[in-house]
Amino acid sequence: MEEARNTPLSHDDFVDIAMRFETNRIVFDRLKTLKLDQCYLAAGSLFQVIWNAQSGQTLGSGIKDLDVFYFDDTDLSWEAENAVIERAKVLFHDIEMSVDIKNQARVHLWYKERFGFDMEPLVSSKAGIESFLIACTCVGIDCATGELYAPDGLGDLQAGQLRMNPRNPKPSLFLEKAADYKSRWPWLTIVSKEAAL
């Protein structure tokens, strides 16, 4: 595990490890058939696989769902997004984990009700990835190209350094999320906790 943390993690290494988790690979491969604009497999099912690999755990340990982002600002209705969700339910009917598909163009419409804060409309799926509470968890794999998008690099992710995302500074939510991750991977470090208070 220590060696895995000391050898720099490249983008290609990240994608390779993330796709060793079979559910990631199956969902990623099937997503192409939905033909969604700016489609990314994002968030937890990616970075948590990396931490599980570093910890010597089963790759899918503790992963509850898979997050999929796409961007369609031509129709911001719930009905349009729900139509995509229903198509995905059929496509992933045999996947035991939940596949959570969200149109990033609609996030600002429900964010305050769910999290208690206003959010400016996002302009892309990448902007959605950039808005996670913890900087090192801002990762997504482009379903069209297979390329990793990691705006903050991979250094903190590999080292287990949990920093509040300066693009989305919400101290209370950050600390709650960081504490949850640390309870599951005790070697993680919450950085600048005092600055978040």
Foldseek 3Di string as FASTA:
>chain_A
DVVQLVPDQDQVNLLVQLVVPPVSVLLLVLVVVLVFAQKWWAFDSRLQLSLCVVVVHDSCPPPAEIEIEGADLPDLDPVVVVVSVVVVCVSPVPPPHYYHYDHQQNCQVCVCVVPVDGDDGDDTVLSVLLQDQWQQRSWIAGSVPRTIDRPVGNNCSSQQETETRPVHQDLVVSVVVSVVVCVVVVSHDHPPNVVSD
